[in-house]
Amino acid sequence: MTLPDLLLQNAYGKLAWGIVLAALVAALIPASRQLSRRASALLLGCMVILTLLPGQLSPAYWIALALQWPSGLLAGLCLVRLAHPWWPAPAQGVLPPVLASVIALLGTILYLDALGLVSLGMYFWGFGPRAAPLCALAAMALCVAWVIQGRSRPQAFAALGALALFTLLRLPTGNLWDALLDPMLWIWAVLTLAVRAWRKRERNSASDKINEGVVQW
């Protein structure tokens, strides 16, 4: 088991929470009033400075008491959201259905395992001295292939960054799963799938009503 340096871990956590908080603020802004490049950069800078404040002055201190540190993938996807003025997200959004499904499924299995409802030992496998780094390198190769092929490039870069942080510095906790999953990211994925399913149901319902009206006419 190789754990990250405590000072490096603390610096990462504060920086990552600054990125996440900036993305949350940006998400609250109506679509009709999207941030400009300058405003987006200013928001990110202000949030990072705020979270880098020492001790209890930092919002990251209080958030970490409940949620610890965000995963590298969550921080990366939040950067993708903040980079929208420079790099508009595709029609499927920052968290596309395929990625959301994988995160929701793996997160559910992992959390059930952590609660003892299933006995797989998945979390401790993430500390593996050989298997975890090898899996991370294989996943990095897959991300590079996606970037070259132009498939979900923003998300591939986000995953590649998270895996590189784990491989090189063992951030955020020394566990591979913590680099790719955390409660906030899992909730985001579940809500994304739920909203998508609801909208699909609404469209199907509207389509059925239109078809019924045409038949009656």
C-alpha atoms as a PDB file:
ATOM      1  CA  MET A   1       0.000   0.000   0.000  1.00  0.00           C
ATOM      2  CA  THR A   2       1.460   3.362  -1.078  1.00  0.00           C
ATOM      3  CA  LEU A   3      -0.155   6.460   0.427  1.00  0.00           C
ATOM      4  CA  PRO A   4       0.303  10.037  -0.834  1.00  0.00           C
ATOM      5  CA  ASP A   5       2.279  12.635   1.087  1.00  0.00           C
ATOM      6  CA  LEU A   6      -0.011  14.321   3.624  1.00  0.00           C
ATOM      7  CA  LEU A   7       0.917  17.881   2.619  1.00  0.00           C
ATOM      8  CA  LEU A   8       0.441  17.052  -1.060  1.00  0.00           C
ATOM      9  CA  GLN A   9      -2.888  15.390  -0.286  1.00  0.00           C
ATOM     10  CA  ASN A  10      -4.071  18.432   1.651  1.00  0.00           C
ATOM     11  CA  ALA A  11      -3.050  20.802  -1.166  1.00  0.00           C
ATOM     12  CA  TYR A  12      -4.802  18.605  -3.720  1.00  0.00           C
ATOM     13  CA  GLY A  13      -7.970  18.466  -1.623  1.00  0.00           C
ATOM     14  CA  LYS A  14      -8.227  22.229  -1.248  1.00  0.00           C
ATOM     15  CA  LEU A  15      -7.541  22.845  -4.931  1.00  0.00           C
ATOM     16  CA  ALA A  16     -10.002  20.150  -6.008  1.00  0.00           C
ATOM     17  CA  TRP A  17     -12.769  21.491  -3.756  1.00  0.00           C
ATOM     18  CA  GLY A  18     -12.175  24.947  -5.206  1.00  0.00           C
ATOM     19  CA  ILE A  19     -12.744  23.545  -8.688  1.00  0.00           C
ATOM     20  CA  VAL A  20     -15.875  21.655  -7.602  1.00  0.00           C
ATOM     21  CA  LEU A  21     -17.364  24.681  -5.827  1.00  0.00           C
ATOM     22  CA  ALA A  22     -16.709  26.883  -8.866  1.00  0.00           C
ATOM     23  CA  ALA A  23     -18.471  24.355 -11.106  1.00  0.00           C
ATOM     24  CA  LEU A  24     -21.442  24.214  -8.710  1.00  0.00           C
ATOM     25  CA  VAL A  25     -21.792  27.995  -8.824  1.00  0.00           C
ATOM     26  CA  ALA A  26     -21.529  27.978 -12.619  1.00  0.00           C
ATOM     27  CA  ALA A  27     -24.210  25.282 -12.812  1.00  0.00           C
ATOM     28  CA  LEU A  28     -26.647  27.509 -10.898  1.00  0.00           C
ATOM     29  CA  ILE A  29     -26.428  30.236 -13.536  1.00  0.00           C
ATOM     30  CA  PRO A  30     -29.297  30.048 -16.089  1.00  0.00           C
ATOM     31  CA  ALA A  31     -28.396  28.719 -19.526  1.00  0.00           C
ATOM     32  CA  SER A  32     -29.450  32.042 -21.057  1.00  0.00           C
ATOM     33  CA  ARG A  33     -26.745  33.847 -19.055  1.00  0.00           C
ATOM     34  CA  GLN A  34     -23.709  31.637 -19.443  1.00  0.00           C
ATOM     35  CA  LEU A  35     -20.387  32.897 -18.110  1.00  0.00           C
ATOM     36  CA  SER A  36     -17.867  34.480 -20.425  1.00  0.00           C
ATOM     37  CA  ARG A  37     -14.294  33.214 -20.556  1.00  0.00           C
ATOM     38  CA  ARG A  38     -13.108  35.996 -18.268  1.00  0.00           C
ATOM     39  CA  ALA A  39     -15.939  35.472 -15.777  1.00  0.00           C
ATOM     40  CA  SER A  40     -15.401  31.710 -15.726  1.00  0.00           C
ATOM     41  CA  ALA A  41     -11.664  32.123 -15.065  1.00  0.00           C
ATOM     42  CA  LEU A  42     -12.368  34.743 -12.373  1.00  0.00           C
ATOM     43  CA  LEU A  43     -14.898  32.466 -10.663  1.00  0.00           C
ATOM     44  CA  LEU A  44     -12.447  29.561 -10.636  1.00  0.00           C
ATOM     45  CA  GLY A  45      -9.637  31.743  -9.322  1.00  0.00           C
ATOM     46  CA  CYS A  46     -11.764  33.196  -6.515  1.00  0.00           C
ATOM     47  CA  MET A  47     -12.990  29.773  -5.392  1.00  0.00           C
ATOM     48  CA  VAL A  48      -9.501  28.276  -5.413  1.00  0.00           C
ATOM     49  CA  ILE A  49      -8.121  31.204  -3.396  1.00  0.00           C
ATOM     50  CA  LEU A  50     -10.994  30.821  -0.932  1.00  0.00           C
ATOM     51  CA  THR A  51     -10.407  27.107  -0.430  1.00  0.00           C
ATOM     52  CA  LEU A  52      -6.638  27.608  -0.076  1.00  0.00           C
ATOM     53  CA  LEU A  53      -7.129  29.754   3.009  1.00  0.00           C
ATOM     54  CA  PRO A  54      -5.521  28.214   6.115  1.00  0.00           C
ATOM     55  CA  GLY A  55      -7.326  25.999   8.594  1.00  0.00           C
ATOM     56  CA  GLN A  56     -10.968  26.622   9.405  1.00  0.00           C
ATOM     57  CA  LEU A  57     -11.059  29.742   7.227  1.00  0.00           C
ATOM     58  CA  SER A  58     -11.201  27.469   4.195  1.00  0.00           C
ATOM     59  CA  PRO A  59     -14.574  26.034   3.092  1.00  0.00           C
ATOM     60  CA  ALA A  60     -12.656  22.911   2.087  1.00  0.00           C
ATOM     61  CA  TYR A  61     -11.896  22.238   5.756  1.00  0.00           C
ATOM     62  CA  TRP A  62     -15.577  21.929   6.643  1.00  0.00           C
ATOM     63  CA  ILE A  63     -16.574  20.081   3.473  1.00  0.00           C
ATOM     64  CA  ALA A  64     -13.771  17.554   3.966  1.00  0.00           C
ATOM     65  CA  LEU A  65     -15.095  16.702   7.426  1.00  0.00           C
ATOM     66  CA  ALA A  66     -18.146  15.159   5.758  1.00  0.00           C
ATOM     67  CA  LEU A  67     -17.000  14.250   2.256  1.00  0.00           C
ATOM     68  CA  GLN A  68     -13.194  14.013   2.510  1.00  0.00           C
ATOM     69  CA  TRP A  69     -11.522  14.821  -0.814  1.00  0.00           C
ATOM     70  CA  PRO A  70     -13.203  14.739  -4.235  1.00  0.00           C
ATOM     71  CA  SER A  71     -12.059  12.187  -6.763  1.00  0.00           C
ATOM     72  CA  GLY A  72      -9.748  13.255  -9.529  1.00  0.00           C
ATOM     73  CA  LEU A  73     -12.440  12.380 -12.062  1.00  0.00           C
ATOM     74  CA  LEU A  74     -14.990  14.659 -10.369  1.00  0.00           C
ATOM     75  CA  ALA A  75     -12.492  17.528 -10.339  1.00  0.00           C
ATOM     76  CA  GLY A  76     -11.676  16.859 -13.986  1.00  0.00           C
ATOM     77  CA  LEU A  77     -15.318  16.822 -15.063  1.00  0.00           C
ATOM     78  CA  CYS A  78     -15.909  20.047 -13.133  1.00  0.00           C
ATOM     79  CA  LEU A  79     -13.026  21.598 -15.069  1.00  0.00           C
ATOM     80  CA  VAL A  80     -14.727  20.422 -18.262  1.00  0.00           C
ATOM     81  CA  ARG A  81     -17.867  22.242 -17.105  1.00  0.00           C
ATOM     82  CA  LEU A  82     -15.913  25.409 -16.343  1.00  0.00           C
ATOM     83  CA  ALA A  83     -14.099  25.198 -19.688  1.00  0.00           C
ATOM     84  CA  HIS A  84     -17.405  25.467 -21.569  1.00  0.00           C
ATOM     85  CA  PRO A  85     -16.638  29.009 -22.916  1.00  0.00           C
ATOM     86  CA  TRP A  86     -13.441  27.657 -24.496  1.00  0.00           C
ATOM     87  CA  TRP A  87     -14.489  24.084 -25.210  1.00  0.00           C
ATOM     88  CA  PRO A  88     -18.276  23.661 -25.562  1.00  0.00           C
ATOM     89  CA  ALA A  89     -19.494  20.301 -24.298  1.00  0.00           C
ATOM     90  CA  PRO A  90     -21.170  17.980 -26.823  1.00  0.00           C
ATOM     91  CA  ALA A  91     -24.934  17.583 -26.972  1.00  0.00           C
ATOM     92  CA  GLN A  92     -24.782  14.786 -24.383  1.00  0.00           C
ATOM     93  CA  GLY A  93     -23.375  17.179 -21.786  1.00  0.00           C
ATOM     94  CA  VAL A  94     -20.450  16.969 -19.386  1.00  0.00           C
ATOM     95  CA  LEU A  95     -21.517  13.559 -18.074  1.00  0.00           C
ATOM     96  CA  PRO A  96     -22.769  11.491 -21.051  1.00  0.00           C
ATOM     97  CA  PRO A  97     -25.149   8.549 -20.437  1.00  0.00           C
ATOM     98  CA  VAL A  98     -22.542   5.832 -21.006  1.00  0.00           C
ATOM     99  CA  LEU A  99     -20.095   7.307 -18.501  1.00  0.00           C
ATOM    100  CA  ALA A 100     -22.919   8.051 -16.046  1.00  0.00           C
ATOM    101  CA  SER A 101     -24.101   4.440 -16.278  1.00  0.00           C
ATOM    102  CA  VAL A 102     -20.615   3.066 -15.597  1.00  0.00           C
ATOM    103  CA  ILE A 103     -20.112   5.381 -12.615  1.00  0.00           C
ATOM    104  CA  ALA A 104     -23.568   4.619 -11.186  1.00  0.00           C
ATOM    105  CA  LEU A 105     -23.095   0.848 -11.536  1.00  0.00           C
ATOM    106  CA  LEU A 106     -19.552   0.692 -10.147  1.00  0.00           C
ATOM    107  CA  GLY A 107     -20.407   3.124  -7.372  1.00  0.00           C
ATOM    108  CA  THR A 108     -23.432   1.104  -6.317  1.00  0.00           C
ATOM    109  CA  ILE A 109     -21.435  -2.123  -6.175  1.00  0.00           C
ATOM    110  CA  LEU A 110     -18.566  -0.442  -4.335  1.00  0.00           C
ATOM    111  CA  TYR A 111     -20.792   1.192  -1.720  1.00  0.00           C
ATOM    112  CA  LEU A 112     -22.786  -1.988  -1.155  1.00  0.00           C
ATOM    113  CA  ASP A 113     -19.479  -3.770  -0.649  1.00  0.00           C
ATOM    114  CA  ALA A 114     -18.279  -1.076   1.762  1.00  0.00           C
ATOM    115  CA  LEU A 115     -21.485  -1.432   3.778  1.00  0.00           C
ATOM    116  CA  GLY A 116     -20.995  -5.191   3.996  1.00  0.00           C
ATOM    117  CA  LEU A 117     -24.127  -6.012   2.005  1.00  0.00           C
ATOM    118  CA  VAL A 118     -21.956  -7.898  -0.487  1.00  0.00           C
ATOM    119  CA  SER A 119     -18.562  -9.475   0.152  1.00  0.00           C
ATOM    120  CA  LEU A 120     -16.220  -8.620  -2.691  1.00  0.00           C
ATOM    121  CA  GLY A 121     -13.418  -6.637  -1.038  1.00  0.00           C
ATOM    122  CA  MET A 122     -13.415  -4.188  -3.945  1.00  0.00           C
ATOM    123  CA  TYR A 123     -12.245  -1.131  -2.024  1.00  0.00           C
ATOM    124  CA  PHE A 124      -9.174  -2.848  -0.570  1.00  0.00           C
ATOM    125  CA  TRP A 125      -8.334  -4.153  -4.040  1.00  0.00           C
ATOM    126  CA  GLY A 126      -7.882  -0.498  -5.026  1.00  0.00           C
ATOM    127  CA  PHE A 127      -4.789  -0.409  -2.766  1.00  0.00           C
ATOM    128  CA  GLY A 128      -3.213  -3.325  -4.639  1.00  0.00           C
ATOM    129  CA  PRO A 129       0.523  -2.714  -5.204  1.00  0.00           C
ATOM    130  CA  ARG A 130       0.480  -4.272  -8.680  1.00  0.00           C
ATOM    131  CA  ALA A 131      -3.074  -4.815  -9.922  1.00  0.00           C
ATOM    132  CA  ALA A 132      -4.319  -1.283  -9.224  1.00  0.00           C
ATOM    133  CA  PRO A 133      -1.449   0.529 -11.020  1.00  0.00           C
ATOM    134  CA  LEU A 134      -1.651  -1.892 -13.949  1.00  0.00           C
ATOM    135  CA  CYS A 135      -5.398  -1.318 -14.281  1.00  0.00           C
ATOM    136  CA  ALA A 136      -4.800   2.437 -14.083  1.00  0.00           C
ATOM    137  CA  LEU A 137      -2.216   2.254 -16.878  1.00  0.00           C
ATOM    138  CA  ALA A 138      -4.572   0.155 -19.026  1.00  0.00           C
ATOM    139  CA  ALA A 139      -7.365   2.674 -18.455  1.00  0.00           C
ATOM    140  CA  MET A 140      -4.981   5.516 -19.368  1.00  0.00           C
ATOM    141  CA  ALA A 141      -4.165   3.777 -22.632  1.00  0.00           C
ATOM    142  CA  LEU A 142      -7.884   3.508 -23.358  1.00  0.00           C
ATOM    143  CA  CYS A 143      -8.344   7.213 -22.621  1.00  0.00           C
ATOM    144  CA  VAL A 144      -5.498   8.091 -24.989  1.00  0.00           C
ATOM    145  CA  ALA A 145      -7.136   5.972 -27.693  1.00  0.00           C
ATOM    146  CA  TRP A 146     -10.439   7.823 -27.177  1.00  0.00           C
ATOM    147  CA  VAL A 147      -8.666  11.186 -27.425  1.00  0.00           C
ATOM    148  CA  ILE A 148      -6.970  10.156 -30.671  1.00  0.00           C
ATOM    149  CA  GLN A 149     -10.270   8.882 -32.083  1.00  0.00           C
ATOM    150  CA  GLY A 150     -12.119  12.007 -30.977  1.00  0.00           C
ATOM    151  CA  ARG A 151     -14.565  10.057 -28.776  1.00  0.00           C
ATOM    152  CA  SER A 152     -15.756  12.077 -25.755  1.00  0.00           C
ATOM    153  CA  ARG A 153     -12.473  13.952 -25.671  1.00  0.00           C
ATOM    154  CA  PRO A 154     -13.269  16.248 -22.694  1.00  0.00           C
ATOM    155  CA  GLN A 155     -14.306  13.294 -20.541  1.00  0.00           C
ATOM    156  CA  ALA A 156     -11.335  11.235 -21.739  1.00  0.00           C
ATOM    157  CA  PHE A 157      -8.959  14.036 -20.744  1.00  0.00           C
ATOM    158  CA  ALA A 158     -10.660  14.286 -17.330  1.00  0.00           C
ATOM    159  CA  ALA A 159     -10.280  10.534 -16.727  1.00  0.00           C
ATOM    160  CA  LEU A 160      -6.711  10.601 -18.023  1.00  0.00           C
ATOM    161  CA  GLY A 161      -5.817  13.380 -15.581  1.00  0.00           C
ATOM    162  CA  ALA A 162      -7.396  11.500 -12.651  1.00  0.00           C
ATOM    163  CA  LEU A 163      -5.543   8.303 -13.526  1.00  0.00           C
ATOM    164  CA  ALA A 164      -2.255  10.170 -13.985  1.00  0.00           C
ATOM    165  CA  LEU A 165      -2.606  11.757 -10.536  1.00  0.00           C
ATOM    166  CA  PHE A 166      -3.130   8.316  -9.035  1.00  0.00           C
ATOM    167  CA  THR A 167      -0.316   6.655 -10.975  1.00  0.00           C
ATOM    168  CA  LEU A 168       2.303   9.344 -10.349  1.00  0.00           C
ATOM    169  CA  LEU A 169       1.330  10.760  -6.938  1.00  0.00           C
ATOM    170  CA  ARG A 170      -1.213   8.260  -5.540  1.00  0.00           C
ATOM    171  CA  LEU A 171      -3.730  11.105  -5.142  1.00  0.00           C
ATOM    172  CA  PRO A 172      -6.165  11.565  -3.585  1.00  0.00           C
ATOM    173  CA  THR A 173      -5.904   8.681  -1.058  1.00  0.00           C
ATOM    174  CA  GLY A 174      -3.678   6.021  -2.570  1.00  0.00           C
ATOM    175  CA  ASN A 175      -6.734   3.994  -3.621  1.00  0.00           C
ATOM    176  CA  LEU A 176      -7.616   3.635  -7.299  1.00  0.00           C
ATOM    177  CA  TRP A 177     -11.356   3.780  -6.609  1.00  0.00           C
ATOM    178  CA  ASP A 178     -11.016   7.124  -4.808  1.00  0.00           C
ATOM    179  CA  ALA A 179      -9.363   8.528  -7.919  1.00  0.00           C
ATOM    180  CA  LEU A 180     -12.389   7.626 -10.052  1.00  0.00           C
ATOM    181  CA  LEU A 181     -15.366   7.616  -7.664  1.00  0.00           C
ATOM    182  CA  ASP A 182     -16.759   9.609  -4.767  1.00  0.00           C
ATOM    183  CA  PRO A 183     -20.272  10.151  -3.338  1.00  0.00           C
ATOM    184  CA  MET A 184     -20.832  13.455  -5.156  1.00  0.00           C
ATOM    185  CA  LEU A 185     -19.847  11.998  -8.523  1.00  0.00           C
ATOM    186  CA  TRP A 186     -22.026   8.944  -7.918  1.00  0.00           C
ATOM    187  CA  ILE A 187     -25.036  11.116  -7.032  1.00  0.00           C
ATOM    188  CA  TRP A 188     -24.381  13.235 -10.132  1.00  0.00           C
ATOM    189  CA  ALA A 189     -24.363  10.112 -12.299  1.00  0.00           C
ATOM    190  CA  VAL A 190     -27.544   8.692 -10.734  1.00  0.00           C
ATOM    191  CA  LEU A 191     -29.391  12.017 -11.090  1.00  0.00           C
ATOM    192  CA  THR A 192     -28.208  12.339 -14.699  1.00  0.00           C
ATOM    193  CA  LEU A 193     -29.653   8.927 -15.547  1.00  0.00           C
ATOM    194  CA  ALA A 194     -32.879   9.632 -13.638  1.00  0.00           C
ATOM    195  CA  VAL A 195     -33.437  12.963 -15.399  1.00  0.00           C
ATOM    196  CA  ARG A 196     -32.658  11.413 -18.767  1.00  0.00           C
ATOM    197  CA  ALA A 197     -35.116   8.559 -18.109  1.00  0.00           C
ATOM    198  CA  TRP A 198     -37.800  11.038 -16.994  1.00  0.00           C
ATOM    199  CA  ARG A 199     -37.362  13.208 -20.092  1.00  0.00           C
ATOM    200  CA  LYS A 200     -37.486  10.141 -22.332  1.00  0.00           C
ATOM    201  CA  ARG A 201     -40.697   9.061 -20.636  1.00  0.00           C
ATOM    202  CA  GLU A 202     -42.193  12.543 -21.124  1.00  0.00           C
ATOM    203  CA  ARG A 203     -41.270  12.527 -24.804  1.00  0.00           C
ATOM    204  CA  ASN A 204     -42.773   9.069 -25.289  1.00  0.00           C
ATOM    205  CA  SER A 205     -45.936  10.142 -23.468  1.00  0.00           C
ATOM    206  CA  ALA A 206     -46.255  13.255 -25.637  1.00  0.00           C
ATOM    207  CA  SER A 207     -45.641  11.196 -28.760  1.00  0.00           C
ATOM    208  CA  ASP A 208     -48.336   8.683 -27.739  1.00  0.00           C
ATOM    209  CA  LYS A 209     -50.849  11.488 -27.184  1.00  0.00           C
ATOM    210  CA  ILE A 210     -50.085  12.946 -30.601  1.00  0.00           C
ATOM    211  CA  ASN A 211     -50.500   9.527 -32.211  1.00  0.00           C
ATOM    212  CA  GLU A 212     -53.807   8.990 -30.403  1.00  0.00           C
ATOM    213  CA  GLY A 213     -55.038  12.377 -31.606  1.00  0.00           C
ATOM    214  CA  VAL A 214     -54.081  11.563 -35.184  1.00  0.00           C
ATOM    215  CA  VAL A 215     -55.896   8.208 -35.004  1.00  0.00           C
ATOM    216  CA  GLN A 216     -59.040   9.784 -33.542  1.00  0.00           C
ATOM    217  CA  TRP A 217     -59.024  12.507 -36.199  1.00  0.00           C
END
